[in-house]
């Protein structure tokens, strides 16, 4: 008797199959410590949140999009006149959303 095994789903296809989730859930959350593809949660009560934390959204935009404002590549932090920013520029969020769509 033969056993059927299915082929593993490629990661690129898996991201598109996760309907209804924000694409920022593909990176771990630095605020609450949620793993990639898991929902953000409140640390004190362990309640899950319907949306992602802003820090997670910022990390996601940093990893997938170039910043049109300060002209940096993905994975490099945005800067203001040489000073690194804790968050990314608004235009980088827009670029990341366009990339994900």
N, C-alpha and C. Protein backbone atom coordinates (compact mmCIF):
# COMPACT_ATOMS: atom_id res chain seq x y z
N UNK A 1 0.84 -1.17 0.00
CA UNK A 1 0.00 0.00 0.00
C UNK A 1 0.89 1.25 0.00
N UNK A 2 0.57 2.21 -0.82
CA UNK A 2 1.38 3.42 -0.90
C UNK A 2 0.78 4.51 -0.03
N UNK A 3 1.66 5.31 0.51
CA UNK A 3 1.21 6.41 1.34
C UNK A 3 1.28 7.70 0.55
N UNK A 4 0.24 8.50 0.61
CA UNK A 4 0.23 9.77 -0.09
C UNK A 4 0.72 10.87 0.84
N UNK A 5 1.64 11.63 0.34
CA UNK A 5 2.11 12.80 1.07
C UNK A 5 1.99 14.00 0.15
N UNK A 6 1.60 15.08 0.72
CA UNK A 6 1.46 16.28 -0.10
C UNK A 6 2.78 17.04 -0.11
N UNK A 7 2.98 17.76 -1.16
CA UNK A 7 4.19 18.57 -1.28
C UNK A 7 4.07 19.79 -0.37
N UNK A 8 5.16 20.26 0.20
CA UNK A 8 5.08 21.44 1.05
C UNK A 8 4.74 22.68 0.21
N UNK A 9 3.98 23.56 0.83
CA UNK A 9 3.58 24.78 0.13
C UNK A 9 4.73 25.79 0.16
N UNK A 10 5.07 26.40 -0.98
CA UNK A 10 6.14 27.40 -0.98
C UNK A 10 5.76 28.60 -0.13
N UNK A 11 6.75 29.23 0.51
CA UNK A 11 6.50 30.37 1.38
C UNK A 11 5.87 31.54 0.64
N UNK A 12 6.25 31.74 -0.62
CA UNK A 12 5.68 32.85 -1.38
C UNK A 12 4.19 32.66 -1.59
N UNK A 13 3.77 31.43 -1.81
CA UNK A 13 2.35 31.15 -1.99
C UNK A 13 1.62 31.17 -0.66
N UNK A 14 2.27 30.73 0.39
CA UNK A 14 1.65 30.70 1.71
C UNK A 14 1.23 32.10 2.18
N UNK A 15 2.04 33.12 1.87
CA UNK A 15 1.70 34.48 2.27
C UNK A 15 0.42 34.96 1.61
N UNK A 16 0.20 34.58 0.36
CA UNK A 16 -1.00 35.01 -0.34
C UNK A 16 -2.24 34.24 0.12
N UNK A 17 -2.03 33.06 0.68
CA UNK A 17 -3.15 32.23 1.13
C UNK A 17 -3.67 32.66 2.50
N UNK A 18 -2.93 33.48 3.21
CA UNK A 18 -3.35 33.92 4.54
C UNK A 18 -4.29 35.11 4.41
N UNK A 19 -5.49 34.87 3.97
CA UNK A 19 -6.46 35.93 3.73
C UNK A 19 -6.86 36.59 5.04
N UNK A 20 -7.02 37.89 5.00
CA UNK A 20 -7.51 38.64 6.14
C UNK A 20 -6.44 39.04 7.14
N UNK A 21 -5.22 38.64 6.94
CA UNK A 21 -4.15 39.02 7.86
C UNK A 21 -3.32 40.15 7.27
N UNK A 22 -2.88 41.03 8.13
CA UNK A 22 -2.00 42.10 7.67
C UNK A 22 -0.66 41.49 7.28
N UNK A 23 -0.05 41.95 6.20
CA UNK A 23 1.22 41.37 5.79
C UNK A 23 2.34 41.57 6.82
N UNK A 24 2.17 42.50 7.76
CA UNK A 24 3.18 42.72 8.79
C UNK A 24 3.29 41.54 9.74
N UNK A 25 2.30 40.65 9.73
CA UNK A 25 2.38 39.48 10.59
C UNK A 25 3.41 38.47 10.11
N UNK A 26 4.05 38.74 8.98
CA UNK A 26 5.09 37.84 8.49
C UNK A 26 6.41 38.02 9.23
N UNK A 27 6.52 39.05 10.06
CA UNK A 27 7.73 39.26 10.88
C UNK A 27 7.35 39.16 12.35
N UNK A 28 8.29 38.78 13.21
CA UNK A 28 7.99 38.73 14.65
C UNK A 28 7.75 40.13 15.21
N UNK A 29 6.94 40.23 16.26
CA UNK A 29 6.62 41.52 16.86
C UNK A 29 7.66 41.87 17.93
N UNK A 30 8.35 43.01 17.78
CA UNK A 30 9.32 43.39 18.80
C UNK A 30 8.67 43.91 20.07
N UNK A 31 7.42 44.30 20.00
CA UNK A 31 6.74 44.86 21.18
C UNK A 31 6.24 43.77 22.13
N UNK A 32 5.48 42.83 21.60
CA UNK A 32 4.87 41.82 22.48
C UNK A 32 5.56 40.46 22.38
N UNK A 33 6.46 40.28 21.43
CA UNK A 33 7.17 39.02 21.30
C UNK A 33 6.43 37.94 20.54
N UNK A 34 5.34 38.30 19.86
CA UNK A 34 4.59 37.31 19.08
C UNK A 34 5.45 36.81 17.92
N UNK A 35 5.39 35.52 17.67
CA UNK A 35 6.17 34.92 16.59
C UNK A 35 5.59 35.34 15.24
N UNK A 36 6.36 35.12 14.20
CA UNK A 36 5.89 35.42 12.84
C UNK A 36 4.63 34.62 12.55
N UNK A 37 3.68 35.26 11.91
CA UNK A 37 2.38 34.70 11.52
C UNK A 37 1.44 34.46 12.70
N UNK A 38 1.80 34.92 13.89
CA UNK A 38 0.93 34.82 15.06
C UNK A 38 0.39 36.21 15.38
N UNK A 39 -0.82 36.31 15.94
CA UNK A 39 -1.37 37.63 16.24
C UNK A 39 -0.65 38.32 17.39
N UNK A 40 -0.63 39.64 17.36
CA UNK A 40 -0.07 40.41 18.47
C UNK A 40 -0.98 40.23 19.69
N UNK A 41 -0.40 40.44 20.86
CA UNK A 41 -1.18 40.25 22.08
C UNK A 41 -0.80 41.31 23.11
N UNK A 42 -1.67 41.49 24.09
CA UNK A 42 -1.39 42.37 25.21
C UNK A 42 -0.55 41.58 26.20
N UNK A 43 0.60 42.09 26.55
CA UNK A 43 1.51 41.33 27.41
C UNK A 43 0.94 41.09 28.81
N UNK A 44 0.21 42.05 29.35
CA UNK A 44 -0.28 41.93 30.72
C UNK A 44 -1.39 40.88 30.85
N UNK A 45 -2.29 40.83 29.86
CA UNK A 45 -3.44 39.93 29.95
C UNK A 45 -3.38 38.76 28.98
N UNK A 46 -2.41 38.77 28.06
CA UNK A 46 -2.27 37.74 27.03
C UNK A 46 -3.47 37.67 26.09
N UNK A 47 -4.20 38.78 25.99
CA UNK A 47 -5.34 38.87 25.07
C UNK A 47 -4.80 39.17 23.66
N UNK A 48 -5.32 38.49 22.64
CA UNK A 48 -4.87 38.74 21.27
C UNK A 48 -5.54 40.00 20.73
N UNK A 49 -4.83 40.69 19.87
CA UNK A 49 -5.31 41.93 19.28
C UNK A 49 -5.76 41.70 17.84
N UNK A 50 -6.76 42.45 17.38
CA UNK A 50 -7.20 42.28 15.99
C UNK A 50 -6.23 42.88 14.97
N UNK A 51 -5.38 43.80 15.39
CA UNK A 51 -4.44 44.44 14.48
C UNK A 51 -3.01 44.23 15.01
N UNK A 52 -2.03 44.67 14.26
CA UNK A 52 -0.64 44.50 14.67
C UNK A 52 -0.15 45.76 15.38
N UNK A 53 0.87 45.60 16.22
CA UNK A 53 1.47 46.75 16.90
C UNK A 53 2.20 47.64 15.89
N UNK A 54 2.27 48.94 16.15
CA UNK A 54 2.99 49.84 15.24
C UNK A 54 4.47 49.47 15.07
N UNK A 55 5.10 48.95 16.10
CA UNK A 55 6.51 48.55 15.99
C UNK A 55 6.67 47.39 15.01
N UNK A 56 5.71 46.48 15.00
CA UNK A 56 5.76 45.35 14.07
C UNK A 56 5.54 45.82 12.64
N UNK A 57 4.62 46.76 12.48
CA UNK A 57 4.36 47.32 11.15
C UNK A 57 5.60 48.05 10.64
N UNK A 58 6.28 48.75 11.53
CA UNK A 58 7.49 49.47 11.16
C UNK A 58 8.61 48.51 10.76
N UNK A 59 8.79 47.44 11.53
CA UNK A 59 9.80 46.43 11.18
C UNK A 59 9.50 45.78 9.84
N UNK A 60 8.23 45.51 9.59
CA UNK A 60 7.84 44.89 8.33
C UNK A 60 8.15 45.82 7.16
N UNK A 61 7.78 47.10 7.29
CA UNK A 61 8.05 48.05 6.21
C UNK A 61 9.55 48.19 5.99
N UNK A 62 10.32 48.14 7.07
CA UNK A 62 11.78 48.25 6.96
C UNK A 62 12.36 47.06 6.18
N UNK A 63 11.77 45.88 6.35
CA UNK A 63 12.34 44.70 5.71
C UNK A 63 11.91 44.51 4.25
N UNK A 64 10.76 45.06 3.85
CA UNK A 64 10.27 44.76 2.50
C UNK A 64 10.36 45.92 1.51
N UNK A 65 10.54 47.15 1.98
CA UNK A 65 10.45 48.29 1.05
C UNK A 65 11.65 49.22 1.17
N UNK A 66 11.98 49.83 0.04
CA UNK A 66 12.96 50.92 0.03
C UNK A 66 12.24 52.19 0.46
N UNK A 67 12.96 53.11 1.07
CA UNK A 67 12.34 54.36 1.50
C UNK A 67 12.53 55.42 0.42
N UNK A 68 11.43 55.92 -0.16
CA UNK A 68 11.57 56.96 -1.18
C UNK A 68 12.00 58.31 -0.60
N UNK A 69 11.82 58.48 0.71
CA UNK A 69 12.17 59.77 1.34
C UNK A 69 13.67 59.91 1.57
N UNK A 70 14.28 58.92 2.23
CA UNK A 70 15.70 59.02 2.56
C UNK A 70 16.58 58.10 1.70
N UNK A 71 15.97 57.40 0.75
CA UNK A 71 16.69 56.59 -0.24
C UNK A 71 17.55 55.48 0.37
N UNK A 72 16.98 54.72 1.31
CA UNK A 72 17.70 53.57 1.86
C UNK A 72 17.06 52.28 1.35
N UNK A 73 17.85 51.24 1.33
CA UNK A 73 17.39 49.93 0.85
C UNK A 73 16.65 49.19 1.96
N UNK A 74 15.95 48.10 1.60
CA UNK A 74 15.29 47.29 2.63
C UNK A 74 16.30 46.80 3.67
N UNK A 75 15.84 46.64 4.87
CA UNK A 75 16.58 46.21 6.06
C UNK A 75 17.45 47.30 6.67
N UNK A 76 17.55 48.47 6.05
CA UNK A 76 18.32 49.58 6.61
C UNK A 76 17.34 50.59 7.18
N UNK A 77 17.61 51.06 8.38
CA UNK A 77 16.71 51.99 9.07
C UNK A 77 16.66 53.35 8.35
N UNK A 78 15.50 53.98 8.41
CA UNK A 78 15.37 55.34 7.87
C UNK A 78 16.17 56.30 8.74
N UNK A 79 16.50 57.45 8.16
CA UNK A 79 17.27 58.44 8.91
C UNK A 79 16.80 59.84 8.57
N UNK A 80 17.06 60.76 9.48
CA UNK A 80 16.82 62.18 9.27
C UNK A 80 18.16 62.89 9.39
N UNK A 81 18.70 63.34 8.28
CA UNK A 81 20.00 64.02 8.24
C UNK A 81 21.09 63.23 8.96
N UNK A 82 21.13 61.92 8.73
CA UNK A 82 22.16 61.08 9.31
C UNK A 82 21.80 60.45 10.64
N UNK A 83 20.75 60.92 11.30
CA UNK A 83 20.32 60.34 12.58
C UNK A 83 19.31 59.24 12.32
N UNK A 84 19.58 58.02 12.79
CA UNK A 84 18.62 56.93 12.57
C UNK A 84 17.31 57.17 13.31
N UNK A 85 16.22 56.79 12.66
CA UNK A 85 14.88 56.93 13.25
C UNK A 85 14.46 55.62 13.88
N UNK A 86 13.61 55.70 14.91
CA UNK A 86 13.06 54.50 15.53
C UNK A 86 11.96 53.90 14.66
N UNK A 87 11.24 54.75 13.95
CA UNK A 87 10.19 54.29 13.04
C UNK A 87 10.61 54.62 11.61
N UNK A 88 9.78 54.22 10.67
CA UNK A 88 10.09 54.50 9.27
C UNK A 88 9.24 55.67 8.78
N UNK A 89 9.66 56.27 7.67
CA UNK A 89 8.90 57.37 7.09
C UNK A 89 7.55 56.88 6.57
N UNK A 90 6.59 57.76 6.51
CA UNK A 90 5.25 57.42 6.04
C UNK A 90 5.28 56.92 4.60
N UNK A 91 6.12 57.50 3.79
CA UNK A 91 6.20 57.06 2.39
C UNK A 91 6.72 55.63 2.28
N UNK A 92 7.50 55.18 3.25
CA UNK A 92 7.98 53.80 3.23
C UNK A 92 6.84 52.84 3.56
N UNK A 93 5.93 53.23 4.45
CA UNK A 93 4.74 52.42 4.72
C UNK A 93 3.93 52.25 3.43
N UNK A 94 3.75 53.36 2.71
CA UNK A 94 2.99 53.31 1.46
C UNK A 94 3.67 52.41 0.44
N UNK A 95 4.98 52.51 0.36
CA UNK A 95 5.73 51.66 -0.57
C UNK A 95 5.58 50.17 -0.20
N UNK A 96 5.62 49.88 1.08
CA UNK A 96 5.47 48.49 1.53
C UNK A 96 4.07 47.97 1.23
N UNK A 97 3.05 48.80 1.44
CA UNK A 97 1.68 48.39 1.13
C UNK A 97 1.52 48.13 -0.36
N UNK A 98 2.12 48.97 -1.19
CA UNK A 98 2.06 48.76 -2.65
C UNK A 98 2.79 47.49 -3.04
N UNK A 99 3.89 47.18 -2.39
CA UNK A 99 4.64 45.97 -2.68
C UNK A 99 3.84 44.74 -2.31
N UNK A 100 3.12 44.81 -1.18
CA UNK A 100 2.35 43.66 -0.71
C UNK A 100 1.09 43.44 -1.54
N UNK A 101 0.58 44.47 -2.17
CA UNK A 101 -0.67 44.34 -2.93
C UNK A 101 -0.50 43.66 -4.25
